[in-house]
């Protein structure tokens, strides 16, 4: 039996069409994978930025605790404020502290160094409270440095910023002295 040769007139370009369809599918798959990778990289960067802001605010809290733990009470703008003379007395939410409080003029910064990699150095405010702080709740942290009669309760509020100003963290704690 003789095989008949396939003539070029019988081919209709099907191989070219199939290869173009596969090429389009592979391109769509590659573009989709790149979008996923870029999204994951942005999320990781944002998480790093927020963690840097959190660590910065924690450093400011520790500085304020150290000041309150010393023998004398600190003084100065933003370092120690008595209620009713303090602009901080009217701020009750983290959003108010972040957007409305005059941090640049009414807060103290870290003593003894700075934090590298942040857009601005962390700041803190120490307020003396006239009433006892709440004793329970998910956000209450009472720190007691021993029985020093008559010195009272304090509220420390700190603000830390990450590598960009888009990431800011407000932390607050009550301190018993």
Protein backbone atom coordinates (compact mmCIF):
# COMPACT_ATOMS: atom_id res chain seq x y z
CA UNK A 1 0.00 0.00 0.00
CA UNK A 2 1.22 3.31 -0.98
CA UNK A 3 0.84 6.21 1.33
CA UNK A 4 -0.39 9.33 -0.19
CA UNK A 5 1.73 12.38 0.44
CA UNK A 6 -0.03 15.15 2.34
CA UNK A 7 -0.20 18.21 0.25
CA UNK A 8 0.24 21.67 1.66
CA UNK A 9 -3.10 22.70 0.25
CA UNK A 10 -4.92 20.44 2.76
CA UNK A 11 -3.34 22.14 5.86
CA UNK A 12 -5.37 25.01 7.24
CA UNK A 13 -2.95 26.50 9.86
CA UNK A 14 -4.38 24.65 12.85
CA UNK A 15 -0.98 24.21 14.51
CA UNK A 16 -0.42 27.97 14.44
CA UNK A 17 -3.84 28.64 16.01
CA UNK A 18 -3.30 26.10 18.80
CA UNK A 19 0.15 27.45 19.62
CA UNK A 20 -1.18 31.05 19.75
CA UNK A 21 -3.97 30.01 22.14
CA UNK A 22 -1.43 28.29 24.41
CA UNK A 23 0.80 31.36 24.26
CA UNK A 24 -2.09 33.63 25.33
CA UNK A 25 -3.02 31.27 28.19
CA UNK A 26 0.58 31.14 29.44
CA UNK A 27 0.82 34.95 29.26
CA UNK A 28 -2.38 35.35 31.31
CA UNK A 29 -1.07 32.86 33.86
CA UNK A 30 2.25 34.71 34.16
CA UNK A 31 0.55 38.12 34.54
CA UNK A 32 -1.76 36.72 37.23
CA UNK A 33 1.19 35.27 39.14
CA UNK A 34 3.04 38.60 38.97
CA UNK A 35 0.01 40.48 40.36
CA UNK A 36 -0.17 38.01 43.25
CA UNK A 37 3.53 38.41 43.99
CA UNK A 38 3.35 42.20 43.94
CA UNK A 39 0.33 42.14 46.26
CA UNK A 40 2.11 39.85 48.73
CA UNK A 41 5.19 42.07 48.68
CA UNK A 42 3.09 45.15 49.44
CA UNK A 43 1.35 43.36 52.31
CA UNK A 44 4.70 42.30 53.77
CA UNK A 45 6.01 45.87 53.50
CA UNK A 46 2.92 47.28 55.19
CA UNK A 47 3.20 44.72 58.00
CA UNK A 48 6.86 45.63 58.50
CA UNK A 49 5.97 49.34 58.54
CA UNK A 50 3.25 48.81 61.14
CA UNK A 51 5.51 46.66 63.33
CA UNK A 52 8.18 49.37 63.18
CA UNK A 53 5.58 51.93 64.29
CA UNK A 54 4.47 49.62 67.11
CA UNK A 55 8.04 49.10 68.35
CA UNK A 56 8.61 52.85 68.19
CA UNK A 57 5.51 53.55 70.32
CA UNK A 58 6.60 50.82 72.77
CA UNK A 59 9.98 52.52 73.16
CA UNK A 60 8.23 55.78 74.04
CA UNK A 61 6.08 53.97 76.64
CA UNK A 62 9.18 52.44 78.23
CA UNK A 63 10.86 55.87 78.37
CA UNK A 64 7.83 57.37 80.13
CA UNK A 65 7.65 54.42 82.57
CA UNK A 66 11.31 54.92 83.40
CA UNK A 67 10.69 58.62 84.12
CA UNK A 68 7.76 57.81 86.40
CA UNK A 69 9.73 55.08 88.13
CA UNK A 70 12.40 57.55 89.26
CA UNK A 71 12.24 59.27 92.66
CA UNK A 72 10.97 62.67 91.48
CA UNK A 73 8.13 63.42 89.11
CA UNK A 74 9.17 64.69 85.69
CA UNK A 75 8.20 68.12 84.48
CA UNK A 76 8.08 69.92 81.17
CA UNK A 77 5.85 70.19 78.15
CA UNK A 78 4.30 66.86 77.34
CA UNK A 79 6.17 65.03 80.04
CA UNK A 80 3.87 65.60 82.99
CA UNK A 81 0.46 67.25 82.89
CA UNK A 82 -2.17 67.76 85.54
CA UNK A 83 -5.79 67.21 84.43
CA UNK A 84 -7.86 70.27 83.51
CA UNK A 85 -4.66 72.07 82.47
CA UNK A 86 -3.81 69.42 79.95
CA UNK A 87 -4.98 69.51 76.35
CA UNK A 88 -4.86 65.70 76.51
CA UNK A 89 -7.83 65.47 78.89
CA UNK A 90 -10.36 65.79 76.07
CA UNK A 91 -8.95 63.01 73.87
CA UNK A 92 -10.76 59.73 74.43
CA UNK A 93 -10.15 57.63 71.30
CA UNK A 94 -7.09 56.56 69.37
CA UNK A 95 -8.37 58.41 66.31
CA UNK A 96 -8.62 61.68 68.26
CA UNK A 97 -5.11 61.19 69.64
CA UNK A 98 -3.78 60.47 66.16
CA UNK A 99 -5.52 63.16 64.13
CA UNK A 100 -6.24 66.00 66.58
CA UNK A 101 -3.68 66.00 69.39
CA UNK A 102 -0.85 68.58 68.93
CA UNK A 103 1.98 66.04 69.15
CA UNK A 104 4.70 68.37 67.88
CA UNK A 105 4.09 71.03 70.55
CA UNK A 106 2.63 69.12 73.52
CA UNK A 107 4.58 65.86 73.75
CA UNK A 108 8.01 64.65 74.76
CA UNK A 109 10.41 62.58 72.69
CA UNK A 110 12.79 59.77 73.59
CA UNK A 111 15.67 60.54 75.87
CA UNK A 112 19.10 59.14 75.27
CA UNK A 113 18.89 58.25 71.61
CA UNK A 114 16.70 57.83 68.61
CA UNK A 115 15.19 55.03 66.57
CA UNK A 116 16.59 54.59 63.08
CA UNK A 117 14.41 53.84 60.08
CA UNK A 118 11.30 55.72 61.22
CA UNK A 119 9.76 58.75 59.51
CA UNK A 120 9.64 60.65 62.83
CA UNK A 121 10.76 59.87 66.36
CA UNK A 122 8.19 58.52 68.83
CA UNK A 123 6.48 60.90 71.23
CA UNK A 124 4.68 60.46 74.53
CA UNK A 125 2.44 62.29 76.98
CA UNK A 126 2.18 61.60 80.71
CA UNK A 127 -0.96 62.77 82.52
CA UNK A 128 -1.72 62.65 86.22
CA UNK A 129 -5.22 61.31 86.81
CA UNK A 130 -7.53 62.63 89.51
CA UNK A 131 -9.45 59.35 89.67
CA UNK A 132 -8.28 55.77 89.69
CA UNK A 133 -7.93 54.15 86.31
CA UNK A 134 -10.28 51.37 85.29
CA UNK A 135 -9.30 48.08 86.88
CA UNK A 136 -10.48 45.74 84.15
CA UNK A 137 -11.01 45.58 80.44
CA UNK A 138 -9.10 44.33 77.44
CA UNK A 139 -6.97 47.45 77.05
CA UNK A 140 -6.06 48.15 80.67
CA UNK A 141 -2.49 47.50 81.80
CA UNK A 142 -1.72 48.61 85.34
CA UNK A 143 1.94 48.97 86.17
CA UNK A 144 2.82 49.37 89.83
CA UNK A 145 6.24 50.55 90.97
CA UNK A 146 5.58 50.13 94.66
CA UNK A 147 3.69 51.98 97.35
CA UNK A 148 4.66 55.62 97.10
CA UNK A 149 1.83 57.30 98.98
CA UNK A 150 0.06 60.27 97.51
CA UNK A 151 1.67 60.28 94.10
CA UNK A 152 -1.23 58.73 92.28
CA UNK A 153 -2.25 57.34 88.97
CA UNK A 154 -0.92 58.31 85.58
CA UNK A 155 -1.95 57.73 81.98
CA UNK A 156 0.81 57.41 79.40
CA UNK A 157 -0.05 57.84 75.74
CA UNK A 158 2.57 57.27 73.06
CA UNK A 159 2.61 57.63 69.29
CA UNK A 160 5.02 55.82 67.03
CA UNK A 161 5.43 56.17 63.27
CA UNK A 162 6.85 53.58 60.90
CA UNK A 163 9.14 54.04 57.92
CA UNK A 164 6.41 56.15 56.29
CA UNK A 165 3.93 58.49 57.91
CA UNK A 166 1.10 56.23 56.69
CA UNK A 167 1.76 53.81 59.55
CA UNK A 168 1.11 55.28 62.99
CA UNK A 169 0.39 53.44 66.24
CA UNK A 170 -1.10 54.94 69.40
CA UNK A 171 -0.48 53.04 72.65
CA UNK A 172 -1.86 53.93 76.05
CA UNK A 173 -1.35 52.53 79.52
CA UNK A 174 -2.15 53.39 83.12
CA UNK A 175 0.67 53.63 85.61
CA UNK A 176 0.33 53.42 89.40
CA UNK A 177 3.02 55.13 91.33
